Amino acid sequence: MKVQIISIIVFIALLHYACDTRSYKQIKQSANDNEKQLSQSPINDDVSKPLSANDTAIITHIATVKTSMGNFDIGLYGEDAPETVANFIGLSKLNYYNGVLFHRVAKNFLIQAGDRNTLFQNKKNEWGLGGESFYGGEIEDELYPNKPSYRQGYQKGVVAMANKGPNTNTSQFFICLEDAKKLQRKYTIFGKVINGMNVVENISNVPVESSNRGKNDGIPIKTIRIYSIETKFIKAPRIK
């Protein structure tokens, strides 16, 4: 029965994208516009209260990301971003990320993955444009100013959803490096690297193909692949 339910969910997801009425040109322009924002967004200073030592998001799950350059662990914030975390866990359990490449590396800024178009070399011009959610459609942002993760912002190691605009989250995510602090709070934060940050830094430093975002922001020349993402539960989110 569980297999049947999962199959139905995946079928609905594929059907949704097959029936998307937006043209390829519109989707590509939307993705390009969003990546331009990811490169140029200034700091958003709308956080009214200072951070305290106790202002820390609660980790409810741990995701172990196994890659061709080593492994790292992400602590997932199931209280701050429950729908996003459930989406990430669901996709991981379906082996959705297995074989997917890191298709964008921006030195000291971010690394990004989650698009299954990267499984196909003949779709290279579409890398970064794809994505599916576990729910079968785009999911809403979880941007709550009262949550610790939002208030902490895009610190080094933070994991957030990539999108094409408000409420368009699917499967793509990025991991922040030092220079990501400048980002506006437009991208749902759902975790942080808690072990293996050196692997993320090493990925960030690989040579890349030049792009319209600059010579240090593009597709890695060397293929960097996600082998698998394994998740485990450690703490139940509090019911409010």
Protein backbone atom coordinates (compact mmCIF):
# COMPACT_ATOMS: atom_id res chain seq x y z
CA MET A 1 0.00 0.00 0.00
CA LYS A 2 2.83 2.42 0.90
CA VAL A 3 4.50 1.73 -2.43
CA GLN A 4 1.23 2.43 -4.23
CA ILE A 5 0.77 5.73 -2.37
CA ILE A 6 4.32 6.84 -3.16
CA SER A 7 3.82 5.86 -6.81
CA ILE A 8 0.66 7.96 -6.98
CA ILE A 9 2.48 10.95 -5.46
CA VAL A 10 5.32 10.66 -7.97
CA PHE A 11 2.84 10.26 -10.85
CA ILE A 12 0.99 13.42 -9.79
CA ALA A 13 4.27 15.31 -9.58
CA LEU A 14 5.28 14.27 -13.09
CA LEU A 15 1.82 15.02 -14.44
CA HIS A 16 1.93 18.49 -12.92
CA TYR A 17 5.17 19.34 -14.69
CA ALA A 18 4.11 17.75 -17.96
CA CYS A 19 1.01 19.94 -17.95
CA ASP A 20 2.80 23.17 -16.97
CA THR A 21 1.58 25.81 -19.44
CA ARG A 22 4.61 28.08 -19.08
CA SER A 23 6.92 28.07 -22.09
CA TYR A 24 10.53 26.96 -21.85
CA LYS A 25 11.59 30.56 -22.54
CA GLN A 26 9.47 31.86 -19.64
CA ILE A 27 10.83 29.24 -17.24
CA LYS A 28 14.43 29.93 -18.28
CA GLN A 29 13.97 33.69 -17.93
CA SER A 30 12.41 33.23 -14.49
CA ALA A 31 15.29 31.03 -13.35
CA ASN A 32 17.86 33.46 -14.75
CA ASP A 33 16.18 36.39 -13.03
CA ASN A 34 16.20 34.53 -9.72
CA GLU A 35 19.85 33.55 -10.03
CA LYS A 36 20.65 37.20 -10.79
CA GLN A 37 18.90 38.09 -7.52
CA LEU A 38 20.96 35.42 -5.76
CA SER A 39 24.07 37.19 -7.05
CA GLN A 40 23.06 40.79 -6.35
CA SER A 41 20.56 40.83 -3.46
CA PRO A 42 21.52 43.24 -0.68
CA ILE A 43 21.08 42.50 3.00
CA ASN A 44 17.51 42.71 4.27
CA ASP A 45 17.54 44.56 7.59
CA ASP A 46 13.95 43.82 8.62
CA VAL A 47 14.87 41.69 11.65
CA SER A 48 13.74 43.81 14.57
CA LYS A 49 15.29 42.00 17.54
CA PRO A 50 18.94 41.09 18.13
CA LEU A 51 19.97 37.46 18.23
CA SER A 52 20.59 35.87 21.59
CA ALA A 53 22.65 32.84 22.54
CA ASN A 54 19.42 30.84 22.80
CA ASP A 55 18.09 31.99 19.42
CA THR A 56 18.89 28.69 17.74
CA ALA A 57 16.71 26.61 15.43
CA ILE A 58 15.88 23.13 16.71
CA ILE A 59 17.23 20.21 14.70
CA THR A 60 14.63 17.47 14.26
CA HIS A 61 16.36 15.30 11.64
CA ILE A 62 19.83 14.74 10.25
CA ALA A 63 20.48 14.26 6.54
CA THR A 64 23.75 12.67 5.45
CA VAL A 65 24.70 13.81 1.97
CA LYS A 66 27.13 11.46 0.24
CA THR A 67 28.96 13.02 -2.70
CA SER A 68 31.85 12.30 -5.05
CA MET A 69 33.95 14.76 -3.01
CA GLY A 70 33.05 13.44 0.43
CA ASN A 71 30.16 13.42 2.87
CA PHE A 72 28.53 16.04 5.05
CA ASP A 73 25.63 16.15 7.50
CA ILE A 74 22.77 18.64 7.50
CA GLY A 75 20.72 19.32 10.62
CA LEU A 76 17.13 19.85 9.45
CA TYR A 77 14.87 22.44 11.08
CA GLY A 78 11.56 20.61 11.29
CA GLU A 79 10.03 23.20 13.60
CA ASP A 80 10.98 26.30 11.62
CA ALA A 81 10.18 24.87 8.17
CA PRO A 82 8.06 21.71 8.60
CA GLU A 83 6.67 21.50 5.06
CA THR A 84 10.06 22.13 3.47
CA VAL A 85 11.78 19.56 5.67
CA ALA A 86 9.06 16.99 4.94
CA ASN A 87 9.51 17.68 1.22
CA PHE A 88 13.29 17.21 1.43
CA ILE A 89 12.98 14.01 3.45
CA GLY A 90 10.29 12.64 1.13
CA LEU A 91 12.40 13.25 -1.97
CA SER A 92 15.45 11.75 -0.28
CA LYS A 93 13.55 8.58 0.64
CA LEU A 94 12.42 8.28 -2.98
CA ASN A 95 16.12 8.44 -4.00
CA TYR A 96 15.27 11.56 -5.99
CA TYR A 97 18.66 13.15 -5.39
CA ASN A 98 20.69 10.04 -6.23
CA GLY A 99 23.04 10.84 -9.12
CA VAL A 100 22.13 14.53 -9.27
CA LEU A 101 25.00 16.98 -9.86
CA PHE A 102 25.95 20.21 -8.18
CA HIS A 103 25.17 22.37 -11.21
CA ARG A 104 26.13 25.73 -9.74
CA VAL A 105 29.20 26.62 -7.72
CA ALA A 106 29.95 30.21 -6.74
CA LYS A 107 33.22 30.53 -4.88
CA ASN A 108 32.78 31.66 -1.26
CA PHE A 109 29.07 32.26 -1.97
CA LEU A 110 27.04 29.07 -2.48
CA ILE A 111 26.82 25.63 -4.02
CA GLN A 112 23.53 24.45 -5.53
CA ALA A 113 21.97 21.11 -6.51
CA GLY A 114 18.65 19.29 -6.77
CA ASP A 115 17.82 19.37 -10.49
CA ARG A 116 17.42 15.95 -12.13
CA ASN A 117 18.05 17.53 -15.53
CA THR A 118 21.71 17.20 -14.51
CA LEU A 119 21.43 13.44 -14.96
CA PHE A 120 21.46 14.08 -18.71
CA GLN A 121 24.41 15.69 -20.49
CA ASN A 122 22.22 16.48 -23.50
CA LYS A 123 20.09 18.70 -21.25
CA LYS A 124 22.98 20.83 -20.06
CA ASN A 125 21.32 24.01 -21.29
CA GLU A 126 18.42 23.17 -18.94
CA TRP A 127 20.49 22.54 -15.83
CA GLY A 128 19.10 24.66 -13.05
CA LEU A 129 15.66 24.95 -14.63
CA GLY A 130 14.13 21.69 -13.38
CA GLY A 131 12.75 20.42 -10.12
CA GLU A 132 9.86 18.55 -8.54
CA SER A 133 8.48 18.56 -5.03
CA PHE A 134 7.41 15.50 -3.06
CA TYR A 135 3.87 16.90 -3.02
CA GLY A 136 3.54 17.07 -6.79
CA GLY A 137 3.65 20.84 -7.20
CA GLU A 138 5.44 23.95 -6.03
CA ILE A 139 5.41 24.51 -2.28
CA GLU A 140 5.06 27.78 -0.43
CA ASP A 141 7.86 29.68 1.26
CA GLU A 142 8.25 29.28 5.01
CA LEU A 143 9.64 32.70 5.88
CA TYR A 144 8.65 33.52 9.45
CA PRO A 145 10.42 36.52 11.06
CA ASN A 146 9.83 35.09 14.54
CA LYS A 147 11.72 31.87 13.78
CA PRO A 148 15.39 31.53 14.80
CA SER A 149 16.52 30.31 11.37
CA TYR A 150 15.01 33.35 9.65
CA ARG A 151 16.54 35.71 12.15
CA GLN A 152 19.98 34.16 11.81
CA GLY A 153 19.87 34.56 8.04
CA TYR A 154 22.14 33.01 5.45
CA GLN A 155 25.16 32.24 7.56
CA LYS A 156 27.94 29.97 6.39
CA GLY A 157 26.63 26.40 6.31
CA VAL A 158 22.95 27.34 6.12
CA VAL A 159 20.86 25.25 3.70
CA ALA A 160 18.00 26.97 1.88
CA MET A 161 15.61 26.36 -0.98
CA ALA A 162 16.38 27.77 -4.41
CA ASN A 163 13.35 29.06 -6.28
CA LYS A 164 12.08 30.96 -9.32
CA GLY A 165 10.22 33.50 -7.22
CA PRO A 166 7.83 33.56 -4.26
CA ASN A 167 6.25 30.20 -3.38
CA THR A 168 7.90 28.23 -6.20
CA ASN A 169 9.98 25.77 -4.16
CA THR A 170 10.48 22.25 -5.49
CA SER A 171 13.67 20.20 -5.08
CA GLN A 172 16.60 22.55 -5.66
CA PHE A 173 18.56 23.76 -2.66
CA PHE A 174 21.74 25.67 -1.97
CA ILE A 175 24.33 25.72 0.80
CA CYS A 176 25.70 29.06 1.92
CA LEU A 177 29.32 30.10 2.15
CA GLU A 178 30.70 33.27 3.71
CA ASP A 179 29.48 35.76 1.10
CA ALA A 180 25.85 34.57 1.23
CA LYS A 181 25.23 36.80 4.25
CA LYS A 182 24.22 39.58 1.85
CA LEU A 183 21.14 37.71 0.61
CA GLN A 184 17.68 39.05 1.27
CA ARG A 185 15.42 36.74 3.23
CA LYS A 186 13.59 35.35 0.21
CA TYR A 187 14.71 31.73 0.43
CA THR A 188 13.32 29.25 2.95
CA ILE A 189 16.01 28.14 5.39
CA PHE A 190 15.47 24.53 6.42
CA GLY A 191 18.79 23.38 7.83
CA LYS A 192 22.48 23.88 8.41
CA VAL A 193 25.61 21.81 7.81
CA ILE A 194 26.68 20.43 11.19
CA ASN A 195 29.49 18.13 10.07
CA GLY A 196 31.74 18.05 7.02
CA MET A 197 31.71 21.76 6.19
CA ASN A 198 35.20 21.27 4.76
CA VAL A 199 33.60 19.17 2.00
CA VAL A 200 31.25 22.04 1.15
CA GLU A 201 34.19 24.46 1.11
CA ASN A 202 36.16 22.15 -1.18
CA ILE A 203 33.23 21.98 -3.59
CA SER A 204 32.99 25.78 -3.49
CA ASN A 205 36.62 26.07 -4.58
CA VAL A 206 36.54 23.87 -7.69
CA PRO A 207 37.13 25.50 -11.10
CA VAL A 208 33.92 26.38 -12.96
CA GLU A 209 32.82 27.37 -16.43
CA SER A 210 32.41 31.13 -16.78
CA SER A 211 28.81 32.34 -16.87
CA ASN A 212 26.90 35.59 -17.07
CA ARG A 213 27.28 35.72 -13.28
CA GLY A 214 31.06 35.86 -13.50
CA LYS A 215 34.14 33.69 -13.93
CA ASN A 216 33.83 32.13 -10.45
CA ASP A 217 30.10 31.34 -10.63
CA GLY A 218 28.97 28.58 -12.95
CA ILE A 219 28.88 24.86 -13.73
CA PRO A 220 31.81 22.94 -12.24
CA ILE A 221 34.31 21.76 -14.83
CA LYS A 222 34.75 18.58 -12.79
CA THR A 223 31.55 16.59 -12.25
CA ILE A 224 30.44 16.66 -8.60
CA ARG A 225 27.71 14.13 -7.95
CA ILE A 226 25.36 13.39 -5.07
CA TYR A 227 25.38 9.64 -4.53
CA SER A 228 22.60 9.60 -1.96
CA ILE A 229 20.94 11.50 0.87
CA GLU A 230 20.00 9.48 3.94
CA THR A 231 17.82 10.99 6.66
CA LYS A 232 17.15 10.02 10.25
CA PHE A 233 14.75 11.32 12.87
CA ILE A 234 16.16 12.62 16.16
CA LYS A 235 13.53 14.89 17.73
CA ALA A 236 9.80 15.38 17.27
CA PRO A 237 8.76 18.94 16.41
CA ARG A 238 6.81 20.64 19.17
CA ILE A 239 3.07 20.95 18.59
CA LYS A 240 1.93 24.55 19.00
